[in-house]
Structure formats: C-alpha cells, structure tokens
Amino acid sequence: MSLRQRIPFKFPAEGEEDDGHIMDEQEQEEVIHQLKIQSDSQNARYNFLLQIVIALSLVLHLIYILGSPKRSPLAVIFPPVDASSRTIPLPGLFASVHVVIHSSLILHVSPKARFSLSALLGESLQASVRNFVPLPYPIMFGACSIAPIISLMIGQTWADVIFWSLAAALTWFIHSAQNWMKRDVDSIRQLEAMRYDARGA
C-alpha cells in the first residue's frame, strides 16, 4: 500500500516574486479569507456609489416630470442655442418608464432596498413593492433607448439628448460594473476550488 504526499498549492501574493514557499492549508485559508474581506469591502463601496449615481439620475427625471414646460434639467449646464427646441412625443410617459428602470437598477444593485421602500409606503402598496421583480438588463436597455433615439431624430438640443440618454448609459454602466464584481467573486471561488483540490492531492 502506497501513500501519496499532500502538496498544497503555491500562491504568491500580487507583486511578489515566487520564493519557492508552498502554503499549507492554514495559510491558504488565511489568504482566501483576506481576499474575501477585501472583495466584499470593495464591492460594498462600489454598490454604495452606484446607488448614489442612480439616485441623482432619478432626481433629475422626477424634476423633469414635475416641471413645466418639459425642458431638460441639464439645460442649466448645457444652455440651448435655440430656445424653441421641440419636445419629444409623450415626454411624461417616457420619463415615467425611465423612473421604473431606475427602480429596477436600484434593486439590481441593492436587492434589500425593496424592504426599505415598502416600509415608507402604505399597506396597499407594500405587497406590490416587495413582489416587484427587477427587469432584465436587455429589456431595460431596449426600453430606455427609444427616447434618446427620438430626441436625436427630431433635432432636440444636446441637453435633451443627453438627458434622455442617461438611463441607457446608466443601465450599461451598472451592468458592466456588476459583471466586473462578479468576475472578482468568481476568481476567489476558483482559488477555493484550487485549495480543495490540493487537500485531495
């Protein structure tokens, strides 16, 4: 009967040269644990920043819905050359669709937000909010791409075009950021799998 020697994996830290040291199981646990802590901390910060960006864009859309006449809130930063710029058809409807998209983005970034929001609403709306499922990214991107295309086709000012493009740009940005964070988590899981393989070596 022959015995096989258990050889744990080698995992040099980033930026360090491989000095030939082979980590034992406890060292592997410590390295992976530290990487998890760093990843969770970074992802929490990124999610918080994403929520702030979504909230700012949402405020702009609410200002547009409540304002009259229907002018882009960004006109303060990008003043129109032609004050007689046309308004897209059904501006209130498009703005409301974008508000729904922003709500879906918030739930994608922070799934627990539905419980905080439902607590602020009446009992009749709480069940609807708690059961609200965020829309898939392809549907959101398609829905929020209509308004900027129309805005560009009818020759609105750049302030209007940029305003109507905010939801689409935000959807793409958050989807990309979440994919990047998911790859970070997956890389740590791969390290864990390497550790388990080493234990069975």
C-alpha atoms as a PDB file:
ATOM      1  CA  MET A   1       0.000   0.000   0.000  1.00  0.00           C
ATOM      2  CA  SER A   2       1.489   3.336  -1.091  1.00  0.00           C
ATOM      3  CA  LEU A   3       0.809   6.752   0.390  1.00  0.00           C
ATOM      4  CA  ARG A   4       0.707   9.980  -1.610  1.00  0.00           C
ATOM      5  CA  GLN A   5       2.160  13.136  -0.144  1.00  0.00           C
ATOM      6  CA  ARG A   6      -0.355  16.009   0.146  1.00  0.00           C
ATOM      7  CA  ILE A   7       1.057  19.095  -1.580  1.00  0.00           C
ATOM      8  CA  PRO A   8      -0.844  22.349  -1.045  1.00  0.00           C
ATOM      9  CA  PHE A   9      -0.920  24.912  -3.838  1.00  0.00           C
ATOM     10  CA  LYS A  10       1.568  27.744  -4.253  1.00  0.00           C
ATOM     11  CA  PHE A  11       0.013  31.197  -4.284  1.00  0.00           C
ATOM     12  CA  PRO A  12       2.470  34.113  -4.388  1.00  0.00           C
ATOM     13  CA  ALA A  13       0.937  37.440  -3.388  1.00  0.00           C
ATOM     14  CA  GLU A  14       0.364  40.033  -6.075  1.00  0.00           C
ATOM     15  CA  GLY A  15       3.518  41.982  -6.867  1.00  0.00           C
ATOM     16  CA  GLU A  16       5.739  39.499  -5.033  1.00  0.00           C
ATOM     17  CA  GLU A  17       8.154  37.098  -6.632  1.00  0.00           C
ATOM     18  CA  ASP A  18       7.727  33.385  -6.171  1.00  0.00           C
ATOM     19  CA  ASP A  19      10.284  32.452  -3.490  1.00  0.00           C
ATOM     20  CA  GLY A  20       9.501  28.744  -3.630  1.00  0.00           C
ATOM     21  CA  HIS A  21       7.339  28.822  -0.489  1.00  0.00           C
ATOM     22  CA  ILE A  22       4.445  26.383  -0.557  1.00  0.00           C
ATOM     23  CA  MET A  23       1.439  27.346   1.543  1.00  0.00           C
ATOM     24  CA  ASP A  24      -0.065  24.880   3.970  1.00  0.00           C
ATOM     25  CA  GLU A  25      -3.820  24.597   4.498  1.00  0.00           C
ATOM     26  CA  GLN A  26      -3.976  27.218   7.245  1.00  0.00           C
ATOM     27  CA  GLU A  27      -2.078  29.772   5.166  1.00  0.00           C
ATOM     28  CA  GLN A  28      -4.365  29.087   2.223  1.00  0.00           C
ATOM     29  CA  GLU A  29      -7.379  29.704   4.468  1.00  0.00           C
ATOM     30  CA  GLU A  30      -5.924  32.999   5.696  1.00  0.00           C
ATOM     31  CA  VAL A  31      -5.080  34.263   2.199  1.00  0.00           C
ATOM     32  CA  ILE A  32      -8.516  33.413   0.806  1.00  0.00           C
ATOM     33  CA  HIS A  33     -10.219  34.880   3.880  1.00  0.00           C
ATOM     34  CA  GLN A  34      -8.327  38.164   3.448  1.00  0.00           C
ATOM     35  CA  LEU A  35      -9.170  38.261  -0.264  1.00  0.00           C
ATOM     36  CA  LYS A  36     -12.850  37.732   0.577  1.00  0.00           C
ATOM     37  CA  ILE A  37     -12.791  40.589   3.088  1.00  0.00           C
ATOM     38  CA  GLN A  38     -11.137  42.928   0.573  1.00  0.00           C
ATOM     39  CA  SER A  39     -13.535  41.902  -2.202  1.00  0.00           C
ATOM     40  CA  ASP A  40     -16.632  42.328  -0.017  1.00  0.00           C
ATOM     41  CA  SER A  41     -15.429  45.725   1.204  1.00  0.00           C
ATOM     42  CA  GLN A  42     -14.687  46.983  -2.313  1.00  0.00           C
ATOM     43  CA  ASN A  43     -17.972  45.678  -3.701  1.00  0.00           C
ATOM     44  CA  ALA A  44     -19.907  47.318  -0.856  1.00  0.00           C
ATOM     45  CA  ARG A  45     -18.252  50.665  -1.664  1.00  0.00           C
ATOM     46  CA  TYR A  46     -18.933  50.278  -5.372  1.00  0.00           C
ATOM     47  CA  ASN A  47     -22.577  49.384  -4.743  1.00  0.00           C
ATOM     48  CA  PHE A  48     -22.962  52.430  -2.497  1.00  0.00           C
ATOM     49  CA  LEU A  49     -21.512  54.704  -5.190  1.00  0.00           C
ATOM     50  CA  LEU A  50     -23.756  53.130  -7.811  1.00  0.00           C
ATOM     51  CA  GLN A  51     -26.798  53.800  -5.626  1.00  0.00           C
ATOM     52  CA  ILE A  52     -25.786  57.461  -5.320  1.00  0.00           C
ATOM     53  CA  VAL A  53     -25.439  57.778  -9.110  1.00  0.00           C
ATOM     54  CA  ILE A  54     -28.834  56.130  -9.645  1.00  0.00           C
ATOM     55  CA  ALA A  55     -30.433  58.424  -7.049  1.00  0.00           C
ATOM     56  CA  LEU A  56     -29.023  61.565  -8.696  1.00  0.00           C
ATOM     57  CA  SER A  57     -30.277  60.480 -12.122  1.00  0.00           C
ATOM     58  CA  LEU A  58     -33.656  59.573 -10.619  1.00  0.00           C
ATOM     59  CA  VAL A  59     -33.946  63.048  -9.067  1.00  0.00           C
ATOM     60  CA  LEU A  60     -33.335  64.612 -12.489  1.00  0.00           C
ATOM     61  CA  HIS A  61     -36.145  62.536 -14.001  1.00  0.00           C
ATOM     62  CA  LEU A  62     -38.542  63.446 -11.194  1.00  0.00           C
ATOM     63  CA  ILE A  63     -37.682  67.127 -11.695  1.00  0.00           C
ATOM     64  CA  TYR A  64     -38.497  66.693 -15.381  1.00  0.00           C
ATOM     65  CA  ILE A  65     -41.839  65.005 -14.641  1.00  0.00           C
ATOM     66  CA  LEU A  66     -42.888  67.687 -12.162  1.00  0.00           C
ATOM     67  CA  GLY A  67     -41.548  70.617 -14.195  1.00  0.00           C
ATOM     68  CA  SER A  68     -43.391  72.687 -16.751  1.00  0.00           C
ATOM     69  CA  PRO A  69     -42.594  73.291 -19.556  1.00  0.00           C
ATOM     70  CA  LYS A  70     -40.876  69.985 -20.258  1.00  0.00           C
ATOM     71  CA  ARG A  71     -37.246  71.037 -20.507  1.00  0.00           C
ATOM     72  CA  SER A  72     -34.161  69.029 -19.711  1.00  0.00           C
ATOM     73  CA  PRO A  73     -32.802  69.694 -16.203  1.00  0.00           C
ATOM     74  CA  LEU A  74     -29.367  69.653 -17.852  1.00  0.00           C
ATOM     75  CA  ALA A  75     -30.224  72.861 -19.736  1.00  0.00           C
ATOM     76  CA  VAL A  76     -28.669  74.744 -16.819  1.00  0.00           C
ATOM     77  CA  ILE A  77     -25.310  73.135 -17.660  1.00  0.00           C
ATOM     78  CA  PHE A  78     -25.836  72.986 -21.431  1.00  0.00           C
ATOM     79  CA  PRO A  79     -27.912  76.070 -22.315  1.00  0.00           C
ATOM     80  CA  PRO A  80     -29.809  75.598 -25.598  1.00  0.00           C
ATOM     81  CA  VAL A  81     -28.792  77.679 -28.593  1.00  0.00           C
ATOM     82  CA  ASP A  82     -32.332  77.531 -29.935  1.00  0.00           C
ATOM     83  CA  ALA A  83     -34.936  78.153 -27.224  1.00  0.00           C
ATOM     84  CA  SER A  84     -37.698  76.819 -29.481  1.00  0.00           C
ATOM     85  CA  SER A  85     -36.475  73.220 -29.321  1.00  0.00           C
ATOM     86  CA  ARG A  86     -39.173  70.630 -29.961  1.00  0.00           C
ATOM     87  CA  THR A  87     -40.426  68.272 -27.248  1.00  0.00           C
ATOM     88  CA  ILE A  88     -40.496  64.535 -27.885  1.00  0.00           C
ATOM     89  CA  PRO A  89     -43.950  62.916 -28.066  1.00  0.00           C
ATOM     90  CA  LEU A  90     -45.330  61.660 -24.729  1.00  0.00           C
ATOM     91  CA  PRO A  91     -42.479  63.042 -22.630  1.00  0.00           C
ATOM     92  CA  GLY A  92     -44.224  62.200 -19.355  1.00  0.00           C
ATOM     93  CA  LEU A  93     -44.653  58.565 -20.406  1.00  0.00           C
ATOM     94  CA  PHE A  94     -41.000  58.183 -21.397  1.00  0.00           C
ATOM     95  CA  ALA A  95     -39.851  59.845 -18.174  1.00  0.00           C
ATOM     96  CA  SER A  96     -42.089  57.506 -16.147  1.00  0.00           C
ATOM     97  CA  VAL A  97     -40.633  54.477 -17.968  1.00  0.00           C
ATOM     98  CA  HIS A  98     -37.168  55.715 -17.080  1.00  0.00           C
ATOM     99  CA  VAL A  99     -38.219  56.063 -13.429  1.00  0.00           C
ATOM    100  CA  VAL A 100     -39.312  52.410 -13.448  1.00  0.00           C
ATOM    101  CA  ILE A 101     -35.946  51.489 -14.987  1.00  0.00           C
ATOM    102  CA  HIS A 102     -34.146  53.407 -12.248  1.00  0.00           C
ATOM    103  CA  SER A 103     -36.176  51.471  -9.659  1.00  0.00           C
ATOM    104  CA  SER A 104     -35.103  48.201 -11.296  1.00  0.00           C
ATOM    105  CA  LEU A 105     -31.474  49.333 -11.283  1.00  0.00           C
ATOM    106  CA  ILE A 106     -31.689  50.070  -7.557  1.00  0.00           C
ATOM    107  CA  LEU A 107     -32.980  46.547  -6.914  1.00  0.00           C
ATOM    108  CA  HIS A 108     -30.218  45.067  -9.079  1.00  0.00           C
ATOM    109  CA  VAL A 109     -27.607  46.937  -7.050  1.00  0.00           C
ATOM    110  CA  SER A 110     -29.301  46.543  -3.659  1.00  0.00           C
ATOM    111  CA  PRO A 111     -31.938  43.780  -3.523  1.00  0.00           C
ATOM    112  CA  LYS A 112     -32.777  44.677   0.095  1.00  0.00           C
ATOM    113  CA  ALA A 113     -33.884  48.160  -0.962  1.00  0.00           C
ATOM    114  CA  ARG A 114     -37.396  46.851  -1.657  1.00  0.00           C
ATOM    115  CA  PHE A 115     -37.977  46.341   2.078  1.00  0.00           C
ATOM    116  CA  SER A 116     -36.794  49.853   2.940  1.00  0.00           C
ATOM    117  CA  LEU A 117     -39.015  51.318   0.227  1.00  0.00           C
ATOM    118  CA  SER A 118     -42.053  49.272   1.206  1.00  0.00           C
ATOM    119  CA  ALA A 119     -41.749  50.493   4.794  1.00  0.00           C
ATOM    120  CA  LEU A 120     -42.220  54.078   3.572  1.00  0.00           C
ATOM    121  CA  LEU A 121     -45.409  53.260   1.648  1.00  0.00           C
ATOM    122  CA  GLY A 122     -48.931  52.474   2.703  1.00  0.00           C
ATOM    123  CA  GLU A 123     -50.082  48.915   3.336  1.00  0.00           C
ATOM    124  CA  SER A 124     -51.835  48.748  -0.031  1.00  0.00           C
ATOM    125  CA  LEU A 125     -48.556  49.308  -1.894  1.00  0.00           C
ATOM    126  CA  GLN A 126     -46.198  47.346   0.343  1.00  0.00           C
ATOM    127  CA  ALA A 127     -47.038  43.945  -1.172  1.00  0.00           C
ATOM    128  CA  SER A 128     -46.587  45.289  -4.712  1.00  0.00           C
ATOM    129  CA  VAL A 129     -43.162  46.718  -3.892  1.00  0.00           C
ATOM    130  CA  ARG A 130     -41.983  43.564  -2.129  1.00  0.00           C
ATOM    131  CA  ASN A 131     -43.087  41.411  -5.065  1.00  0.00           C
ATOM    132  CA  PHE A 132     -41.576  43.735  -7.670  1.00  0.00           C
ATOM    133  CA  VAL A 133     -39.002  41.839  -9.728  1.00  0.00           C
ATOM    134  CA  PRO A 134     -36.277  43.966 -11.346  1.00  0.00           C
ATOM    135  CA  LEU A 135     -36.404  43.953 -15.124  1.00  0.00           C
ATOM    136  CA  PRO A 136     -33.693  42.078 -17.070  1.00  0.00           C
ATOM    137  CA  TYR A 137     -30.919  44.261 -18.435  1.00  0.00           C
ATOM    138  CA  PRO A 138     -31.721  43.672 -22.157  1.00  0.00           C
ATOM    139  CA  ILE A 139     -35.333  44.796 -21.636  1.00  0.00           C
ATOM    140  CA  MET A 140     -34.260  47.857 -19.661  1.00  0.00           C
ATOM    141  CA  PHE A 141     -31.663  48.846 -22.221  1.00  0.00           C
ATOM    142  CA  GLY A 142     -34.136  48.446 -25.081  1.00  0.00           C
ATOM    143  CA  ALA A 143     -36.875  50.418 -23.296  1.00  0.00           C
ATOM    144  CA  CYS A 144     -34.640  53.352 -22.357  1.00  0.00           C
ATOM    145  CA  SER A 145     -33.038  53.575 -25.820  1.00  0.00           C
ATOM    146  CA  ILE A 146     -36.258  54.713 -27.523  1.00  0.00           C
ATOM    147  CA  ALA A 147     -36.407  58.240 -26.078  1.00  0.00           C
ATOM    148  CA  PRO A 148     -32.809  59.279 -26.930  1.00  0.00           C
ATOM    149  CA  ILE A 149     -33.227  57.988 -30.491  1.00  0.00           C
ATOM    150  CA  ILE A 150     -36.424  60.014 -30.945  1.00  0.00           C
ATOM    151  CA  SER A 151     -34.796  63.032 -29.319  1.00  0.00           C
ATOM    152  CA  LEU A 152     -31.889  62.836 -31.742  1.00  0.00           C
ATOM    153  CA  MET A 153     -34.120  62.278 -34.773  1.00  0.00           C
ATOM    154  CA  ILE A 154     -36.340  65.324 -34.136  1.00  0.00           C
ATOM    155  CA  GLY A 155     -33.321  67.556 -33.558  1.00  0.00           C
ATOM    156  CA  GLN A 156     -33.608  68.376 -29.858  1.00  0.00           C
ATOM    157  CA  THR A 157     -30.809  70.227 -28.077  1.00  0.00           C
ATOM    158  CA  TRP A 158     -27.804  68.327 -26.760  1.00  0.00           C
ATOM    159  CA  ALA A 159     -29.080  68.896 -23.220  1.00  0.00           C
ATOM    160  CA  ASP A 160     -32.256  66.981 -24.107  1.00  0.00           C
ATOM    161  CA  VAL A 161     -30.437  64.213 -25.962  1.00  0.00           C
ATOM    162  CA  ILE A 162     -28.013  63.719 -23.071  1.00  0.00           C
ATOM    163  CA  PHE A 163     -30.865  63.759 -20.552  1.00  0.00           C
ATOM    164  CA  TRP A 164     -32.810  61.078 -22.415  1.00  0.00           C
ATOM    165  CA  SER A 165     -29.612  59.029 -22.779  1.00  0.00           C
ATOM    166  CA  LEU A 166     -28.908  58.952 -19.029  1.00  0.00           C
ATOM    167  CA  ALA A 167     -30.998  55.849 -18.309  1.00  0.00           C
ATOM    168  CA  ALA A 168     -29.428  53.844 -21.150  1.00  0.00           C
ATOM    169  CA  ALA A 169     -25.901  54.895 -20.182  1.00  0.00           C
ATOM    170  CA  LEU A 170     -26.597  54.111 -16.528  1.00  0.00           C
ATOM    171  CA  THR A 171     -28.030  50.684 -17.381  1.00  0.00           C
ATOM    172  CA  TRP A 172     -24.948  49.798 -19.427  1.00  0.00           C
ATOM    173  CA  PHE A 173     -22.578  51.142 -16.751  1.00  0.00           C
ATOM    174  CA  ILE A 174     -24.215  49.257 -13.862  1.00  0.00           C
ATOM    175  CA  HIS A 175     -24.451  46.041 -15.867  1.00  0.00           C
ATOM    176  CA  SER A 176     -20.736  46.279 -16.676  1.00  0.00           C
ATOM    177  CA  ALA A 177     -19.831  47.100 -13.057  1.00  0.00           C
ATOM    178  CA  GLN A 178     -21.801  44.138 -11.735  1.00  0.00           C
ATOM    179  CA  ASN A 179     -20.163  41.802 -14.261  1.00  0.00           C
ATOM    180  CA  TRP A 180     -16.769  43.065 -13.113  1.00  0.00           C
ATOM    181  CA  MET A 181     -17.651  42.472  -9.440  1.00  0.00           C
ATOM    182  CA  LYS A 182     -18.996  39.008 -10.283  1.00  0.00           C
ATOM    183  CA  ARG A 183     -15.726  38.102 -12.011  1.00  0.00           C
ATOM    184  CA  ASP A 184     -13.882  39.181  -8.863  1.00  0.00           C
ATOM    185  CA  VAL A 185     -16.051  36.875  -6.725  1.00  0.00           C
ATOM    186  CA  ASP A 186     -15.662  34.020  -9.222  1.00  0.00           C
ATOM    187  CA  SER A 187     -11.877  34.338  -9.125  1.00  0.00           C
ATOM    188  CA  ILE A 188     -11.950  33.844  -5.335  1.00  0.00           C
ATOM    189  CA  ARG A 189     -14.172  30.788  -5.759  1.00  0.00           C
ATOM    190  CA  GLN A 190     -11.632  29.383  -8.197  1.00  0.00           C
ATOM    191  CA  LEU A 191      -8.940  29.818  -5.550  1.00  0.00           C
ATOM    192  CA  GLU A 192     -11.143  27.927  -3.103  1.00  0.00           C
ATOM    193  CA  ALA A 193     -11.523  25.132  -5.640  1.00  0.00           C
ATOM    194  CA  MET A 194      -7.739  25.005  -6.021  1.00  0.00           C
ATOM    195  CA  ARG A 195      -7.449  24.699  -2.262  1.00  0.00           C
ATOM    196  CA  TYR A 196      -9.884  21.802  -2.148  1.00  0.00           C
ATOM    197  CA  ASP A 197      -8.044  20.057  -4.992  1.00  0.00           C
ATOM    198  CA  ALA A 198      -4.823  20.442  -3.062  1.00  0.00           C
ATOM    199  CA  ARG A 199      -6.363  18.806   0.020  1.00  0.00           C
ATOM    200  CA  GLY A 200      -7.193  15.759  -2.015  1.00  0.00           C
ATOM    201  CA  ALA A 201      -3.789  15.563  -3.637  1.00  0.00           C
END
